[in-house]
Amino acid sequence: MSAGVARLEEVGQAVRNGGATVKLDRMIPFLIVAVASGCAHGTTLTSVDEKALRAEALPAAIRVPSGGSLLARFHAVGAQVYTCIASASGAPAWTLKAPAAKLFDAKDNQVGTHGEGPNWTSNDGSSVHGRKIAQADAPQSDSIPWLLLQATTHVGNGVFSKVEYIQRVNTIQGKAPVSGCDAANFGAEVRADYSADYYFYGGAK
């Protein structure tokens, strides 16, 4: 599915994300919302399930702390890169090395990348690194988990410069293979295609 397929018109509802509240006056459906000023700029997104957009439907574990406000939301398409290395038990196992994805805006233009760190980098020169603090199973059993991450470092001034929390939701596929990692393939890499939506928040306490 290409970016920009989903269209959600006239949602007109308040979305409560734990303590983070965002007013959605019109969603088509990629939003960059300025909560403090009450203005919303519509953008477009791929693979959006209307129910998944409602914060109350999010697992409690990945809700943003009180006071958070939505700064941006981008759709990612790419791969999860896995390496066949020794697990904690010593046996070979597919282990996540890094994501390798492109970030898209409302008009299907690439506006940034998502890579090792994990890191999100915008074409405006800003970037943010994060660390995972919580996760929840995706609704689809063949998809990677939904995550809540906390920003650790920032670079530049731009869309990512004030991000404090990141959510990964609406994931599609991306899991490691169930086989193929053994002594004969030690050190091998595989790419598991995936897509996801990333929400970026500031202002949380």
Protein backbone atom coordinates (compact mmCIF):
# COMPACT_ATOMS: atom_id res chain seq x y z
CA MET A 1 0.00 0.00 0.00
CA SER A 2 1.45 3.37 -0.99
CA ALA A 3 1.59 6.37 1.32
CA GLY A 4 -1.46 8.59 1.29
CA VAL A 5 -4.07 5.87 0.66
CA ALA A 6 -6.13 6.37 3.78
CA ARG A 7 -8.50 9.31 4.01
CA LEU A 8 -10.39 10.11 7.22
CA GLU A 9 -12.74 13.09 6.81
CA GLU A 10 -14.27 15.29 9.50
CA VAL A 11 -13.24 13.31 12.53
CA GLY A 12 -14.16 16.27 14.74
CA GLN A 13 -13.30 14.59 18.03
CA ALA A 14 -10.98 15.17 20.96
CA VAL A 15 -8.34 12.49 21.27
CA ARG A 16 -7.09 11.82 24.76
CA ASN A 17 -3.72 10.10 25.04
CA GLY A 18 -3.24 9.55 28.73
CA GLY A 19 -2.64 13.17 29.73
CA ALA A 20 -1.97 14.29 26.14
CA THR A 21 -5.03 15.78 24.49
CA VAL A 22 -5.18 16.69 20.81
CA LYS A 23 -8.13 18.31 19.05
CA LEU A 24 -8.69 16.81 15.64
CA ASP A 25 -10.93 19.21 13.69
CA ARG A 26 -10.18 17.61 10.33
CA MET A 27 -7.93 14.69 9.60
CA ILE A 28 -6.79 13.58 6.17
CA PRO A 29 -5.20 11.73 8.20
CA PHE A 30 -1.57 12.82 8.76
CA LEU A 31 -1.66 15.65 11.30
CA ILE A 32 0.82 18.12 12.59
CA VAL A 33 -1.01 19.71 15.49
CA ALA A 34 -0.14 22.89 17.36
CA VAL A 35 -2.10 22.19 20.53
CA ALA A 36 -1.25 25.39 22.37
CA SER A 37 -2.58 27.61 19.58
CA GLY A 38 -5.44 25.27 18.73
CA CYS A 39 -4.55 25.06 15.03
CA ALA A 40 -4.19 21.88 13.01
CA HIS A 41 -2.56 21.36 9.63
CA GLY A 42 -3.84 18.32 7.74
CA THR A 43 -1.46 15.84 6.20
CA THR A 44 -1.94 12.36 4.82
CA LEU A 45 -0.91 8.92 5.98
CA THR A 46 -0.80 5.31 4.85
CA SER A 47 -2.24 2.22 6.52
CA VAL A 48 -4.31 4.03 9.12
CA ASP A 49 -7.02 2.19 11.00
CA GLU A 50 -9.50 4.71 12.40
CA LYS A 51 -9.71 2.84 15.70
CA ALA A 52 -5.93 2.94 16.08
CA LEU A 53 -5.99 6.73 15.81
CA ARG A 54 -8.08 7.02 18.95
CA ALA A 55 -5.76 7.43 21.89
CA GLU A 56 -8.17 5.72 24.27
CA ALA A 57 -7.68 2.55 22.20
CA LEU A 58 -3.91 2.63 22.74
CA PRO A 59 -2.47 0.22 25.31
CA ALA A 60 -1.89 2.06 28.59
CA ALA A 61 1.79 1.09 28.57
CA ILE A 62 2.59 3.22 25.53
CA ARG A 63 0.55 6.33 26.34
CA VAL A 64 2.47 9.58 26.57
CA PRO A 65 2.84 11.09 30.07
CA SER A 66 0.63 13.92 31.23
CA GLY A 67 1.15 17.25 29.51
CA GLY A 68 2.33 15.89 26.19
CA SER A 69 1.29 17.64 22.99
CA LEU A 70 1.49 16.22 19.50
CA LEU A 71 4.18 17.91 17.41
CA ALA A 72 4.20 15.74 14.29
CA ARG A 73 3.24 12.40 12.86
CA PHE A 74 4.97 10.66 9.95
CA HIS A 75 4.51 7.40 8.11
CA ALA A 76 7.53 5.14 7.72
CA VAL A 77 8.15 2.55 5.01
CA GLY A 78 11.27 0.42 5.00
CA ALA A 79 12.77 -2.57 6.76
CA GLN A 80 13.84 -3.91 10.12
CA VAL A 81 17.38 -5.24 9.70
CA TYR A 82 18.28 -8.35 11.67
CA THR A 83 21.67 -10.04 12.19
CA CYS A 84 22.26 -13.68 13.03
CA ILE A 85 24.35 -13.53 16.22
CA ALA A 86 24.67 -15.36 19.52
CA SER A 87 21.70 -14.88 21.85
CA ALA A 88 21.90 -14.67 25.65
CA SER A 89 21.81 -18.46 25.75
CA GLY A 90 24.70 -18.66 23.30
CA ALA A 91 22.59 -20.10 20.50
CA PRO A 92 22.40 -18.19 17.18
CA ALA A 93 19.31 -16.01 16.88
CA TRP A 94 18.05 -13.20 14.67
CA THR A 95 18.69 -9.97 16.58
CA LEU A 96 17.56 -6.49 15.59
CA LYS A 97 20.43 -4.44 14.23
CA ALA A 98 18.61 -1.30 13.12
CA PRO A 99 15.58 0.06 11.32
CA ALA A 100 16.11 1.42 7.81
CA ALA A 101 13.08 3.41 6.70
CA LYS A 102 11.96 6.55 4.93
CA LEU A 103 9.54 9.05 6.48
CA PHE A 104 6.75 10.50 4.33
CA ASP A 105 4.54 13.56 4.54
CA ALA A 106 0.98 14.23 3.42
CA LYS A 107 1.87 14.45 -0.26
CA ASP A 108 3.96 11.28 -0.26
CA ASN A 109 7.18 13.30 -0.27
CA GLN A 110 10.08 11.87 1.66
CA VAL A 111 10.74 14.24 4.56
CA GLY A 112 13.28 12.25 6.53
CA THR A 113 14.73 8.91 7.51
CA HIS A 114 14.61 6.50 10.43
CA GLY A 115 17.72 4.54 11.25
CA GLU A 116 20.12 3.05 13.74
CA GLY A 117 20.00 4.46 17.26
CA PRO A 118 17.06 4.50 16.90
CA ASN A 119 17.23 7.86 15.19
CA TRP A 120 14.79 10.02 13.24
CA THR A 121 16.31 12.64 10.93
CA SER A 122 14.36 15.34 9.12
CA ASN A 123 15.28 16.97 5.84
CA ASP A 124 15.32 20.25 7.81
CA GLY A 125 18.50 19.09 9.56
CA SER A 126 17.00 18.24 12.94
CA SER A 127 17.19 14.78 14.44
CA VAL A 128 16.29 12.95 17.62
CA HIS A 129 17.59 9.75 19.20
CA GLY A 130 15.38 7.73 21.49
CA ARG A 131 15.35 4.77 23.83
CA LYS A 132 12.52 2.30 24.27
CA ILE A 133 10.72 2.56 27.60
CA ALA A 134 7.61 0.45 26.92
CA GLN A 135 6.01 -1.77 24.33
CA ALA A 136 2.73 -3.52 23.58
CA ASP A 137 1.84 -6.30 21.18
CA ALA A 138 0.54 -5.20 17.79
CA PRO A 139 -3.02 -6.26 16.95
CA GLN A 140 -1.62 -8.35 14.08
CA SER A 141 0.45 -11.29 15.32
CA ASP A 142 2.85 -11.03 12.35
CA SER A 143 3.73 -7.38 13.11
CA ILE A 144 6.40 -5.83 15.33
CA PRO A 145 5.26 -4.32 18.65
CA TRP A 146 3.93 -0.85 19.26
CA LEU A 147 6.42 1.23 21.25
CA LEU A 148 6.83 4.23 23.50
CA LEU A 149 10.29 5.79 23.33
CA GLN A 150 11.84 8.70 25.20
CA ALA A 151 14.13 11.18 23.48
CA THR A 152 17.76 11.05 24.62
CA THR A 153 19.58 13.52 22.36
CA HIS A 154 18.69 16.14 19.75
CA VAL A 155 20.56 17.77 16.87
CA GLY A 156 19.67 20.97 15.03
CA ASN A 157 16.62 23.21 15.08
CA GLY A 158 13.54 21.90 13.36
CA VAL A 159 10.65 19.50 13.61
CA PHE A 160 12.50 17.05 15.87
CA SER A 161 14.34 19.54 18.09
CA LYS A 162 11.69 19.63 20.83
CA VAL A 163 10.51 16.03 20.73
CA GLU A 164 10.41 14.33 24.12
CA TYR A 165 8.46 11.14 23.39
CA ILE A 166 7.86 9.00 20.31
CA GLN A 167 5.16 6.39 19.73
CA ARG A 168 5.39 3.67 17.09
CA VAL A 169 1.93 2.37 16.20
CA ASN A 170 -0.02 0.87 13.30
CA THR A 171 2.86 -1.46 12.54
CA ILE A 172 2.62 -3.84 9.60
CA GLN A 173 4.96 -6.84 9.50
CA GLY A 174 8.70 -6.36 10.22
CA LYS A 175 9.28 -9.39 12.45
CA ALA A 176 12.45 -11.44 12.25
CA PRO A 177 12.33 -14.73 10.31
CA VAL A 178 11.42 -17.78 12.37
CA SER A 179 14.25 -19.82 10.85
CA GLY A 180 17.49 -19.50 8.90
CA CYS A 181 19.79 -18.39 11.71
CA ASP A 182 22.18 -21.17 12.58
CA ALA A 183 25.90 -21.85 12.80
CA ALA A 184 26.16 -22.01 9.02
CA ASN A 185 24.63 -18.53 8.64
CA PHE A 186 26.26 -16.85 11.63
CA GLY A 187 26.75 -13.14 10.89
CA ALA A 188 24.18 -13.07 8.07
CA GLU A 189 21.73 -10.17 7.76
CA VAL A 190 18.12 -10.13 6.61
CA ARG A 191 15.71 -7.27 5.96
CA ALA A 192 12.08 -7.64 7.03
CA ASP A 193 9.86 -5.13 5.24
CA TYR A 194 7.60 -3.07 7.50
CA SER A 195 5.61 0.12 7.79
CA ALA A 196 4.51 2.10 10.83
CA ASP A 197 3.23 5.44 12.02
CA TYR A 198 5.41 7.53 14.32
CA TYR A 199 3.91 10.16 16.64
CA PHE A 200 6.26 12.79 18.07
CA TYR A 201 5.35 14.62 21.30
CA GLY A 202 6.73 17.53 23.25
CA GLY A 203 5.83 19.12 26.57
CA ALA A 204 5.34 15.93 28.56
CA LYS A 205 6.46 15.79 32.18
